Amino acid sequence: MKRIYLDWNVISNLKRKENTDIYNFLIKNKDTFTILYSPAHFSDFLKSYNTENDHFFEDLNTLESLCDNHLIRWENDKIALKAATPREYFNKKDELVDLKDLFSLNSENYKELDTFLIQMGIEPIFQKLKNYNENRPSEILINSKNDKYLNSIFPNLDNNSSFWDLMVEVGGFFKQYLSNKDFYKTYRKSLEEIGFKLEVNASNWPYKEVFHRIDDFLKSKNINQSFIEYAKSAFHHKNYKPNNYELFTSTYYLLDLLGYKPDSLKKRSNTFQNIQFDAEHSFYASFCDFFVVDDIKLREKSKVLYHEFNIPTKTLPLSDLINTIKKEIPEKTYYYSSQDIIDLCNKSSISYGPEEKDNIKSTVYKLPFKFLNYFNYLYKEEGLQTDITLYYFRRVQEYYDNGLYFTEIEKIGNNILSFLGVNITDDTHLLLKNLSQPDNHSKIKINLNDCTAFLGVEENTLRPLLEFLIKKNGSHIEKLKL
């Protein structure tokens, strides 16, 4: 089972007549892969929201037809898979926060916050906080070496400013940074003027060398940190390491800020938030097998980060989607035999063992490809005092593998049974649905020509588990007794 993540522009462009074949291909083959959507789609999506904008609702329908109820989001410091359709998520749009509104610091904000605390029966503190910070110096010294840079980002700050003045300026800086593309581009330009920009041909660097070359660039600026360490240093004010989401997206922002394939922000409505949303798309796509994106700069920055963080996600343009995905669609019927299993062991590398314990000889094989587009390891347990050998296929967790949707469990099970020649009926669908239930311990038995197979799920993760019981005489086995 493969996962696909489509960039927002790709989803929007699938409505075009020239992309009808690609859209129909995705709809037709939804039983073999899962297309995910994320809050980043809605961050892009809501920029054009208008109750009278018919195109907006066309895009919403397109998103829902492709992704069904497969929402992926970051919450509680980990990735979460949610069962919610795009329309259900859209109905909660009022809960989404516009980050630039968080940085409007002034005395009126504090009065409103104090009023809220009073209503909650809590002593007001924000006006006191303002008064306290007005009497503290900012401790920012503006001189001939930094005045051009500091004046570009804090235009109202001088050497007599208070800490409150600095807070207001910082709030104004981030609000402008997020909402005003010219301000962001000017800030990026100011870094270039003080020499903090990569060389002109940095965008031509091979993606596997980008981090190493930025490491060298930082050394040339007397910064004794690697690029990753430099990105992490932005979080030193916290008492914990940045989580995966923070580190990934912050590193993406830094690539743009330092001049590696920087976003040109050509459209009138573009702001830094476009870069922010791109970083989030790249992050969420890292939990999928394929990231389909036509924005070359987004695609290349993603490749750089995926390489550095050892993420196996493949990036590709929409035009390559059909040819790439076709190779991943398994045969519908194959009728696997015991010899096929043995041959697969011989083609695989040994990851563990062989080890003998309790009259069982155990060996673990790392498969050279994903069997049935899902399993990546094969376990062999040979009974030393019987003529029975158990082979079972597992999906061992990878970076992007943080659980399964219930629909994915059913799809994977359906593909496995079809592959083994089982006729899929309504009763079969019911058995597959039962497999995805956390308290279910049943298995689906399949009698093959010379062996017996069982399809179940692992107890804790609910990941599908495919077992083959092979007897030397080729007879069928009701249950395992090694």
Protein backbone atom coordinates (compact mmCIF):
# COMPACT_ATOMS: atom_id res chain seq x y z
CA MET A 1 0.00 0.00 0.00
CA LYS A 2 1.54 3.27 -1.13
CA ARG A 3 0.74 6.76 0.09
CA ILE A 4 0.65 9.79 -2.17
CA TYR A 5 0.75 13.45 -1.16
CA LEU A 6 -0.26 16.02 -3.76
CA ASP A 7 0.88 19.64 -3.51
CA TRP A 8 -2.02 22.09 -3.45
CA ASN A 9 -1.30 23.47 -6.95
CA VAL A 10 -1.32 19.91 -8.31
CA ILE A 11 -4.76 19.26 -6.80
CA SER A 12 -6.10 22.51 -8.20
CA ASN A 13 -4.63 21.76 -11.65
CA LEU A 14 -6.20 18.30 -11.79
CA LYS A 15 -9.48 20.04 -12.70
CA ARG A 16 -7.99 21.12 -16.03
CA LYS A 17 -9.05 19.27 -19.15
CA GLU A 18 -5.48 18.29 -20.07
CA ASN A 19 -5.16 16.47 -16.72
CA THR A 20 -8.41 14.46 -16.97
CA ASP A 21 -6.56 11.19 -17.66
CA ILE A 22 -4.38 11.65 -14.57
CA TYR A 23 -7.37 12.46 -12.37
CA ASN A 24 -9.32 9.43 -13.66
CA PHE A 25 -6.26 7.21 -13.12
CA LEU A 26 -6.05 8.30 -9.47
CA ILE A 27 -9.77 7.74 -8.88
CA LYS A 28 -9.73 4.34 -10.59
CA ASN A 29 -6.78 3.04 -8.56
CA LYS A 30 -7.69 4.32 -5.10
CA ASP A 31 -7.91 0.72 -3.91
CA THR A 32 -4.13 0.34 -4.35
CA PHE A 33 -2.91 3.56 -2.73
CA THR A 34 -4.02 6.26 -0.31
CA ILE A 35 -3.94 10.00 -1.01
CA LEU A 36 -3.55 12.16 2.10
CA TYR A 37 -4.39 15.79 2.81
CA SER A 38 -3.19 18.03 5.63
CA PRO A 39 -3.86 21.39 7.33
CA ALA A 40 -1.33 22.87 4.91
CA HIS A 41 -3.79 22.28 2.06
CA PHE A 42 -6.34 24.38 3.90
CA SER A 43 -3.79 27.08 4.67
CA ASP A 44 -3.34 27.41 0.90
CA PHE A 45 -6.99 26.75 0.25
CA LEU A 46 -8.49 29.42 2.50
CA LYS A 47 -6.52 32.23 0.87
CA SER A 48 -9.13 32.20 -1.92
CA TYR A 49 -12.14 31.49 0.29
CA ASN A 50 -15.23 33.41 -0.64
CA THR A 51 -18.83 32.22 -0.38
CA GLU A 52 -19.39 33.44 -3.94
CA ASN A 53 -16.26 31.81 -5.36
CA ASP A 54 -17.48 28.71 -7.22
CA HIS A 55 -13.91 27.64 -8.00
CA PHE A 56 -13.22 27.37 -4.28
CA PHE A 57 -15.92 24.72 -3.83
CA GLU A 58 -14.82 22.94 -7.01
CA ASP A 59 -11.36 22.62 -5.45
CA LEU A 60 -12.91 21.38 -2.21
CA ASN A 61 -14.85 18.70 -4.12
CA THR A 62 -11.69 17.68 -6.01
CA LEU A 63 -9.75 17.37 -2.76
CA GLU A 64 -12.48 15.24 -1.19
CA SER A 65 -12.88 12.96 -4.22
CA LEU A 66 -9.16 12.18 -4.11
CA CYS A 67 -8.43 12.02 -0.38
CA ASP A 68 -11.71 10.73 1.07
CA ASN A 69 -11.29 10.97 4.85
CA HIS A 70 -7.50 10.61 5.09
CA LEU A 71 -6.30 13.61 7.11
CA ILE A 72 -2.74 13.79 8.44
CA ARG A 73 -1.77 16.44 10.97
CA TRP A 74 0.80 17.23 13.66
CA GLU A 75 -0.53 17.27 17.20
CA ASN A 76 0.89 16.61 20.67
CA ASP A 77 4.42 16.44 19.26
CA LYS A 78 3.69 13.57 16.90
CA ILE A 79 2.03 12.81 13.60
CA ALA A 80 -1.65 11.86 13.81
CA LEU A 81 -3.82 10.08 11.24
CA LYS A 82 -7.41 11.30 11.43
CA ALA A 83 -10.62 10.10 9.79
CA ALA A 84 -12.17 13.36 8.57
CA THR A 85 -13.23 14.47 5.10
CA PRO A 86 -11.99 17.81 3.73
CA ARG A 87 -15.52 19.19 3.99
CA GLU A 88 -15.71 18.19 7.66
CA TYR A 89 -12.36 19.86 8.24
CA PHE A 90 -13.47 22.95 6.33
CA ASN A 91 -16.51 23.27 8.59
CA LYS A 92 -14.06 23.84 11.43
CA LYS A 93 -12.21 26.58 9.58
CA ASP A 94 -12.98 29.13 12.29
CA GLU A 95 -10.60 27.21 14.56
CA LEU A 96 -7.68 27.93 12.24
CA VAL A 97 -5.44 30.77 13.43
CA ASP A 98 -3.83 33.37 11.21
CA LEU A 99 -0.34 33.62 12.68
CA LYS A 100 0.20 37.24 11.72
CA ASP A 101 -2.63 38.25 14.06
CA LEU A 102 -0.62 36.94 17.02
CA PHE A 103 2.06 39.61 16.64
CA SER A 104 -0.01 42.81 16.93
CA LEU A 105 1.44 43.95 20.27
CA ASN A 106 0.20 47.21 21.78
CA SER A 107 -1.41 48.48 24.96
CA GLU A 108 -4.92 47.84 23.62
CA ASN A 109 -4.15 44.15 23.22
CA TYR A 110 -3.05 43.99 26.80
CA LYS A 111 -6.20 45.75 28.00
CA GLU A 112 -8.31 43.16 26.16
CA LEU A 113 -6.30 40.31 27.69
CA ASP A 114 -6.67 41.81 31.16
CA THR A 115 -10.43 42.15 30.64
CA PHE A 116 -10.57 38.47 29.70
CA LEU A 117 -8.67 37.49 32.86
CA ILE A 118 -11.03 39.55 35.03
CA GLN A 119 -14.00 37.79 33.44
CA MET A 120 -12.36 34.47 34.32
CA GLY A 121 -11.90 35.57 37.93
CA ILE A 122 -8.11 35.89 37.55
CA GLU A 123 -6.01 38.87 38.60
CA PRO A 124 -5.05 41.02 35.54
CA ILE A 125 -1.29 41.01 34.89
CA PHE A 126 -0.69 42.24 31.35
CA GLN A 127 -0.83 45.98 32.04
CA LYS A 128 1.61 45.41 34.89
CA LEU A 129 3.85 43.49 32.49
CA LYS A 130 3.76 46.40 30.06
CA ASN A 131 4.58 48.93 32.79
CA TYR A 132 7.48 46.79 34.02
CA ASN A 133 9.03 46.39 30.56
CA GLU A 134 8.72 50.10 29.81
CA ASN A 135 11.20 50.72 32.64
CA ARG A 136 13.76 48.19 31.39
CA PRO A 137 16.36 49.10 28.73
CA SER A 138 16.24 47.06 25.53
CA GLU A 139 19.99 46.30 25.81
CA ILE A 140 20.22 46.62 22.02
CA LEU A 141 23.22 48.69 20.95
CA ILE A 142 22.97 50.18 17.49
CA ASN A 143 26.33 51.14 15.94
CA SER A 144 27.92 51.71 12.54
CA LYS A 145 28.44 47.98 12.04
CA ASN A 146 24.82 46.94 12.49
CA ASP A 147 22.71 50.06 11.97
CA LYS A 148 21.78 49.29 8.35
CA TYR A 149 20.66 45.78 9.21
CA LEU A 150 18.84 46.65 12.47
CA ASN A 151 17.11 49.69 10.97
CA SER A 152 15.76 47.51 8.17
CA ILE A 153 14.00 45.19 10.60
CA PHE A 154 13.41 47.47 13.64
CA PRO A 155 12.92 50.94 12.09
CA ASN A 156 11.62 52.59 15.28
CA LEU A 157 14.27 51.27 17.65
CA ASP A 158 17.17 53.39 18.96
CA ASN A 159 19.69 53.17 21.79
CA ASN A 160 17.23 54.76 24.24
CA SER A 161 14.41 52.29 23.54
CA SER A 162 12.86 50.27 26.36
CA PHE A 163 12.37 46.53 26.43
CA TRP A 164 8.67 47.16 25.76
CA ASP A 165 9.64 49.13 22.64
CA LEU A 166 11.71 46.15 21.55
CA MET A 167 8.76 43.78 22.13
CA VAL A 168 6.52 46.00 20.00
CA GLU A 169 9.17 46.16 17.26
CA VAL A 170 9.69 42.39 17.31
CA GLY A 171 5.93 41.87 17.10
CA GLY A 172 5.73 44.29 14.19
CA PHE A 173 8.69 42.60 12.51
CA PHE A 174 7.10 39.15 12.59
CA LYS A 175 3.73 40.48 11.47
CA GLN A 176 5.38 42.18 8.49
CA TYR A 177 7.60 39.15 7.94
CA LEU A 178 4.55 36.91 7.60
CA SER A 179 2.18 39.18 5.70
CA ASN A 180 4.30 41.57 3.60
CA LYS A 181 6.31 39.90 0.83
CA ASP A 182 8.34 43.07 0.12
CA PHE A 183 9.36 43.22 3.78
CA TYR A 184 10.49 39.57 3.70
CA LYS A 185 12.37 40.05 0.43
CA THR A 186 14.03 43.20 1.81
CA TYR A 187 15.06 41.30 4.92
CA ARG A 188 16.46 38.50 2.75
CA LYS A 189 18.30 41.15 0.72
CA SER A 190 19.73 42.75 3.88
CA LEU A 191 21.31 39.41 4.80
CA GLU A 192 22.90 39.32 1.36
CA GLU A 193 24.32 42.82 1.83
CA ILE A 194 26.13 41.78 5.01
CA GLY A 195 27.49 38.71 3.23
CA PHE A 196 25.17 36.15 4.75
CA LYS A 197 24.04 34.55 1.50
CA LEU A 198 25.15 31.45 -0.37
CA GLU A 199 27.09 31.80 -3.62
CA VAL A 200 25.19 32.68 -6.78
CA ASN A 201 25.29 29.17 -8.25
CA ALA A 202 24.14 27.48 -5.00
CA SER A 203 20.88 26.52 -6.68
CA ASN A 204 22.90 24.28 -9.02
CA TRP A 205 24.49 22.28 -6.21
CA PRO A 206 23.70 18.54 -6.31
CA TYR A 207 20.99 17.96 -3.71
CA LYS A 208 23.14 15.40 -1.86
CA GLU A 209 25.86 18.01 -1.28
CA VAL A 210 23.77 21.00 -0.19
CA PHE A 211 24.08 20.52 3.58
CA HIS A 212 27.83 19.88 3.38
CA ARG A 213 28.35 23.02 1.32
CA ILE A 214 26.28 25.11 3.73
CA ASP A 215 28.43 23.68 6.55
CA ASP A 216 31.48 25.06 4.70
CA PHE A 217 29.71 28.39 4.18
CA LEU A 218 29.00 28.73 7.91
CA LYS A 219 32.65 27.94 8.71
CA SER A 220 33.70 30.74 6.36
CA LYS A 221 31.57 33.08 8.49
CA ASN A 222 33.30 31.88 11.68
CA ILE A 223 30.21 29.95 12.78
CA ASN A 224 31.44 26.71 14.30
CA GLN A 225 28.22 24.81 13.80
CA SER A 226 26.91 22.46 11.15
CA PHE A 227 23.81 23.57 9.28
CA ILE A 228 21.64 21.24 11.40
CA GLU A 229 23.20 22.59 14.61
CA TYR A 230 22.65 26.12 13.35
CA ALA A 231 18.96 25.37 12.71
CA LYS A 232 18.61 23.84 16.18
CA SER A 233 20.26 26.86 17.83
CA ALA A 234 17.12 28.89 17.14
CA PHE A 235 15.42 26.78 19.83
CA HIS A 236 18.01 27.24 22.57
CA HIS A 237 15.62 29.48 24.49
CA LYS A 238 13.50 26.36 25.05
CA ASN A 239 14.36 23.68 27.56
CA TYR A 240 13.91 20.86 25.06
CA LYS A 241 15.11 19.89 21.63
CA PRO A 242 12.96 20.96 18.65
CA ASN A 243 10.51 18.28 17.61
CA ASN A 244 10.53 16.80 14.11
CA TYR A 245 8.02 19.32 12.79
CA GLU A 246 9.92 22.33 14.18
CA LEU A 247 13.32 21.17 12.98
CA PHE A 248 12.15 20.18 9.49
CA THR A 249 10.17 23.36 8.76
CA SER A 250 12.77 25.68 10.31
CA THR A 251 15.50 24.12 8.19
CA TYR A 252 13.31 24.61 5.11
CA TYR A 253 12.89 28.31 5.97
CA LEU A 254 16.66 28.69 6.42
CA LEU A 255 17.35 27.16 3.01
CA ASP A 256 15.16 29.85 1.46
CA LEU A 257 16.55 32.65 3.61
CA LEU A 258 20.16 31.76 2.82
CA GLY A 259 19.46 31.75 -0.90
CA TYR A 260 19.13 28.08 -1.85
CA LYS A 261 16.45 28.09 -4.56
CA PRO A 262 14.68 31.04 -2.86
CA ASP A 263 11.00 31.53 -3.54
CA SER A 264 10.51 34.54 -5.84
CA LEU A 265 7.02 35.31 -4.42
CA LYS A 266 5.93 36.62 -7.83
CA LYS A 267 2.17 36.72 -7.31
CA ARG A 268 0.62 39.82 -5.78
CA SER A 269 -0.94 37.80 -2.97
CA ASN A 270 2.29 35.94 -2.10
CA THR A 271 3.86 36.41 1.34
CA PHE A 272 6.30 34.55 3.57
CA GLN A 273 3.36 32.37 4.53
CA ASN A 274 3.60 30.78 1.06
CA ILE A 275 7.06 29.56 2.08
CA GLN A 276 5.67 28.46 5.44
CA PHE A 277 2.89 26.46 3.76
CA ASP A 278 5.39 24.90 1.32
CA ALA A 279 7.53 23.80 4.26
CA GLU A 280 4.48 22.17 5.85
CA HIS A 281 3.53 20.40 2.61
CA SER A 282 7.08 19.07 2.37
CA PHE A 283 6.95 17.90 5.99
CA TYR A 284 3.60 16.10 5.69
CA ALA A 285 4.64 14.55 2.39
CA SER A 286 7.63 12.99 4.20
CA PHE A 287 5.16 10.53 5.76
CA CYS A 288 4.15 9.29 2.29
CA ASP A 289 5.87 7.33 -0.45
CA PHE A 290 5.41 9.98 -3.14
CA PHE A 291 5.28 13.78 -3.11
CA VAL A 292 3.76 15.01 -6.37
CA VAL A 293 4.74 18.66 -6.86
CA ASP A 294 5.25 20.87 -9.92
CA ASP A 295 6.88 23.76 -8.05
CA ILE A 296 10.54 23.07 -8.89
CA LYS A 297 11.95 25.02 -5.93
CA LEU A 298 9.67 23.24 -3.47
CA ARG A 299 10.50 19.90 -5.06
CA GLU A 300 14.26 20.45 -4.94
CA LYS A 301 14.30 21.78 -1.37
CA SER A 302 12.25 18.74 -0.35
CA LYS A 303 14.75 16.40 -2.02
CA VAL A 304 17.56 18.06 -0.07
CA LEU A 305 15.76 17.63 3.26
CA TYR A 306 14.59 14.08 2.53
CA HIS A 307 18.17 13.09 1.73
CA GLU A 308 19.58 14.72 4.86
CA PHE A 309 16.95 13.26 7.20
CA ASN A 310 17.06 9.80 5.54
CA ILE A 311 13.45 9.97 4.40
CA PRO A 312 12.63 7.60 1.49
CA THR A 313 9.86 9.79 0.02
CA LYS A 314 10.23 10.24 -3.74
CA THR A 315 9.45 13.60 -5.34
CA LEU A 316 8.04 13.82 -8.86
CA PRO A 317 6.14 16.22 -11.14
CA LEU A 318 2.50 15.59 -12.04
CA SER A 319 3.50 14.61 -15.60
CA ASP A 320 5.45 11.59 -14.25
CA LEU A 321 2.74 10.39 -11.90
CA ILE A 322 1.00 7.75 -14.04
CA ASN A 323 4.18 6.07 -15.31
CA THR A 324 5.68 6.04 -11.80
CA ILE A 325 2.61 4.78 -9.95
CA LYS A 326 1.77 2.13 -12.59
CA LYS A 327 4.96 0.32 -11.62
CA GLU A 328 3.73 0.16 -8.03
CA ILE A 329 0.36 -1.47 -8.72
CA PRO A 330 0.60 -5.18 -7.84
CA GLU A 331 -0.77 -7.97 -9.97
CA LYS A 332 -4.35 -8.78 -9.02
CA THR A 333 -3.85 -12.55 -9.02
CA TYR A 334 -0.68 -14.59 -8.66
CA TYR A 335 -1.37 -17.79 -6.63
CA TYR A 336 1.79 -17.85 -4.51
CA SER A 337 3.47 -21.21 -3.88
CA SER A 338 5.86 -22.50 -1.23
CA GLN A 339 8.74 -22.43 -3.73
CA ASP A 340 8.11 -18.72 -4.35
CA ILE A 341 8.61 -18.07 -0.62
CA ILE A 342 11.83 -20.08 -0.53
CA ASP A 343 13.13 -18.29 -3.63
CA LEU A 344 12.35 -14.92 -2.02
CA CYS A 345 14.46 -15.87 1.02
CA ASN A 346 17.39 -16.69 -1.27
CA LYS A 347 17.10 -13.28 -2.95
CA SER A 348 16.98 -11.37 0.36
CA SER A 349 19.74 -10.31 2.74
CA ILE A 350 19.85 -11.76 6.26
CA SER A 351 19.09 -9.10 8.86
CA TYR A 352 19.22 -11.38 11.92
CA GLY A 353 20.15 -14.97 12.69
CA PRO A 354 19.96 -17.79 12.14
CA GLU A 355 19.40 -18.47 15.84
CA GLU A 356 18.26 -21.71 17.49
CA LYS A 357 16.04 -21.58 20.57
CA ASP A 358 13.37 -23.93 21.96
CA ASN A 359 13.70 -26.26 18.96
CA ILE A 360 13.02 -23.40 16.53
CA LYS A 361 15.57 -22.03 14.07
CA SER A 362 14.81 -18.34 13.41
CA THR A 363 16.09 -16.11 10.59
CA VAL A 364 15.03 -12.59 9.60
CA TYR A 365 15.38 -11.39 5.99
CA LYS A 366 15.27 -7.83 4.69
CA LEU A 367 13.39 -7.95 1.42
CA PRO A 368 14.96 -6.36 -1.69
CA PHE A 369 11.61 -4.73 -2.50
CA LYS A 370 8.30 -4.12 -0.77
CA PHE A 371 6.37 -7.34 -1.17
CA LEU A 372 2.79 -6.56 -2.21
CA ASN A 373 3.82 -2.89 -2.00
CA TYR A 374 3.76 -3.12 1.77
CA PHE A 375 5.88 -5.76 3.55
CA ASN A 376 9.62 -5.11 3.94
CA TYR A 377 10.77 -8.04 6.14
CA LEU A 378 10.33 -11.81 5.99
CA TYR A 379 10.67 -13.98 9.10
CA LYS A 380 11.41 -17.70 8.91
CA GLU A 381 10.83 -20.02 11.89
CA GLU A 382 11.77 -23.63 11.16
CA GLY A 383 10.64 -26.35 13.55
CA LEU A 384 13.66 -28.54 14.29
CA GLN A 385 11.57 -31.48 15.49
CA THR A 386 8.71 -31.16 12.98
CA ASP A 387 8.37 -30.91 9.22
CA ILE A 388 6.67 -27.50 9.42
CA THR A 389 8.22 -24.08 8.67
CA LEU A 390 6.48 -20.79 9.39
CA TYR A 391 7.22 -17.83 7.10
CA TYR A 392 5.60 -14.52 7.90
CA PHE A 393 5.78 -11.10 6.28
CA ARG A 394 5.87 -7.93 8.38
CA ARG A 395 6.10 -4.22 7.82
CA VAL A 396 8.87 -3.02 10.14
CA GLN A 397 8.39 0.60 11.12
CA GLU A 398 10.12 3.26 9.07
CA TYR A 399 10.46 7.02 9.54
CA TYR A 400 7.19 7.82 7.80
CA ASP A 401 5.31 4.79 9.11
CA ASN A 402 3.28 6.10 12.06
CA GLY A 403 0.27 3.84 11.95
CA LEU A 404 -2.42 3.03 9.42
CA TYR A 405 -5.88 4.26 8.60
CA PHE A 406 -8.54 1.58 9.07
CA THR A 407 -9.30 1.95 5.36
CA GLU A 408 -5.64 1.21 4.58
CA ILE A 409 -5.78 -2.03 6.59
CA GLU A 410 -8.81 -3.08 4.51
CA LYS A 411 -7.15 -2.06 1.23
CA ILE A 412 -3.92 -3.90 2.06
CA GLY A 413 -5.90 -6.99 3.07
CA ASN A 414 -7.96 -6.80 -0.11
CA ASN A 415 -4.82 -6.56 -2.27
CA ILE A 416 -3.20 -9.51 -0.47
CA LEU A 417 -6.24 -11.75 -0.88
CA SER A 418 -6.63 -10.78 -4.54
CA PHE A 419 -2.95 -11.49 -5.09
CA LEU A 420 -3.41 -14.97 -3.59
CA GLY A 421 -6.34 -15.69 -5.89
CA VAL A 422 -9.14 -15.28 -3.34
CA ASN A 423 -12.52 -14.27 -4.79
CA ILE A 424 -13.50 -11.07 -2.96
CA THR A 425 -17.14 -11.20 -1.82
CA ASP A 426 -19.28 -9.21 0.62
CA ASP A 427 -18.40 -11.76 3.30
CA THR A 428 -14.70 -11.20 2.57
CA HIS A 429 -15.12 -7.42 2.94
CA LEU A 430 -16.75 -8.02 6.31
CA LEU A 431 -13.83 -10.20 7.44
CA LEU A 432 -11.37 -7.51 6.31
CA LYS A 433 -13.32 -4.83 8.18
CA ASN A 434 -13.18 -6.97 11.33
CA LEU A 435 -9.39 -7.23 11.02
CA SER A 436 -9.08 -3.45 11.51
CA GLN A 437 -10.88 -3.54 14.86
CA PRO A 438 -8.48 -3.21 17.82
CA ASP A 439 -10.11 -5.98 19.89
CA ASN A 440 -10.25 -8.51 17.05
CA HIS A 441 -7.85 -11.48 17.07
CA SER A 442 -9.23 -13.50 14.17
CA LYS A 443 -7.34 -14.47 11.01
CA ILE A 444 -8.43 -15.18 7.46
CA LYS A 445 -7.30 -18.62 6.28
CA ILE A 446 -6.31 -19.23 2.63
CA ASN A 447 -5.60 -22.74 1.31
CA LEU A 448 -3.09 -22.57 -1.53
CA ASN A 449 -1.84 -25.38 -3.77
CA ASP A 450 0.95 -26.63 -1.52
CA CYS A 451 0.77 -24.53 1.64
CA THR A 452 -1.61 -22.66 3.94
CA ALA A 453 -1.67 -18.87 4.45
CA PHE A 454 -3.21 -16.78 7.22
CA LEU A 455 -3.91 -13.05 7.06
CA GLY A 456 -4.15 -11.20 10.37
CA VAL A 457 -2.89 -8.06 12.08
CA GLU A 458 -0.28 -7.40 14.74
CA GLU A 459 -1.83 -6.93 18.16
CA ASN A 460 -0.50 -3.48 19.08
CA THR A 461 0.02 -1.73 15.76
CA LEU A 462 -2.77 -3.39 13.72
CA ARG A 463 -0.30 -3.68 10.86
CA PRO A 464 -1.25 -6.55 8.51
CA LEU A 465 0.65 -9.80 9.04
CA LEU A 466 0.81 -12.51 6.36
CA GLU A 467 1.80 -16.03 7.45
CA PHE A 468 2.66 -19.03 5.29
CA LEU A 469 2.79 -22.47 6.90
CA ILE A 470 4.76 -24.86 4.72
CA LYS A 471 4.92 -28.61 5.29
CA LYS A 472 7.44 -30.78 3.52
CA ASN A 473 4.72 -32.99 2.01
CA GLY A 474 2.81 -29.91 0.77
CA SER A 475 -0.36 -30.67 2.74
CA HIS A 476 -2.57 -27.99 4.29
CA ILE A 477 -2.21 -27.04 7.97
CA GLU A 478 -5.03 -26.04 10.27
CA LYS A 479 -2.85 -24.43 12.95
CA LEU A 480 0.80 -24.05 13.78
CA LYS A 481 2.58 -26.59 16.01
CA LEU A 482 6.33 -26.18 15.73
